[in-house]
């Protein structure tokens, strides 16, 4: 039963892939405000 819960946890909480250095740089330089990056933020 313990093994079942361990497998279930791995399925429900998969590790996120790591970001490359260029992807990290892009996110750090990204500007987010009421007008950018786009309309999706206005929906919330």
Protein backbone atom coordinates (compact mmCIF):
# COMPACT_ATOMS: atom_id res chain seq x y z
CA UNK A 1 0.00 0.00 0.00
CA UNK A 2 2.88 2.34 0.78
CA UNK A 3 4.25 1.81 -2.73
CA UNK A 4 0.88 2.77 -4.20
CA UNK A 5 0.91 6.12 -2.39
CA UNK A 6 4.50 6.80 -3.45
CA UNK A 7 3.61 6.17 -7.10
CA UNK A 8 0.46 8.27 -6.77
CA UNK A 9 2.44 11.19 -5.34
CA UNK A 10 4.96 11.02 -8.23
CA UNK A 11 2.07 11.02 -10.69
CA UNK A 12 0.24 13.94 -9.10
CA UNK A 13 3.37 16.01 -8.36
CA UNK A 14 5.72 15.59 -11.31
CA UNK A 15 8.95 17.58 -11.23
CA UNK A 16 9.00 20.58 -13.48
CA UNK A 17 11.69 20.61 -16.13
CA UNK A 18 14.53 22.99 -15.38
CA UNK A 19 14.82 26.16 -17.41
CA UNK A 20 17.77 26.90 -19.62
CA UNK A 21 19.86 29.97 -18.89
CA UNK A 22 18.34 31.82 -21.86
CA UNK A 23 14.80 31.00 -20.67
CA UNK A 24 15.62 32.29 -17.18
CA UNK A 25 17.06 35.49 -18.66
CA UNK A 26 13.93 35.99 -20.78
CA UNK A 27 11.66 35.65 -17.74
CA UNK A 28 13.77 38.07 -15.71
CA UNK A 29 13.59 40.68 -18.48
CA UNK A 30 9.86 40.22 -19.09
CA UNK A 31 7.77 43.21 -18.13
CA UNK A 32 4.31 42.48 -16.76
CA UNK A 33 1.85 45.28 -16.06
CA UNK A 34 -1.76 46.15 -16.81
CA UNK A 35 -1.03 46.46 -20.54
CA UNK A 36 1.44 43.64 -21.12
CA UNK A 37 2.05 40.79 -21.81
CA UNK A 38 -1.49 40.60 -23.12
CA UNK A 39 -5.21 40.36 -22.58
CA UNK A 40 -5.20 37.23 -20.43
CA UNK A 41 -4.26 39.25 -17.33
CA UNK A 42 -7.28 41.49 -17.85
CA UNK A 43 -9.55 38.46 -17.49
CA UNK A 44 -8.60 38.12 -13.83
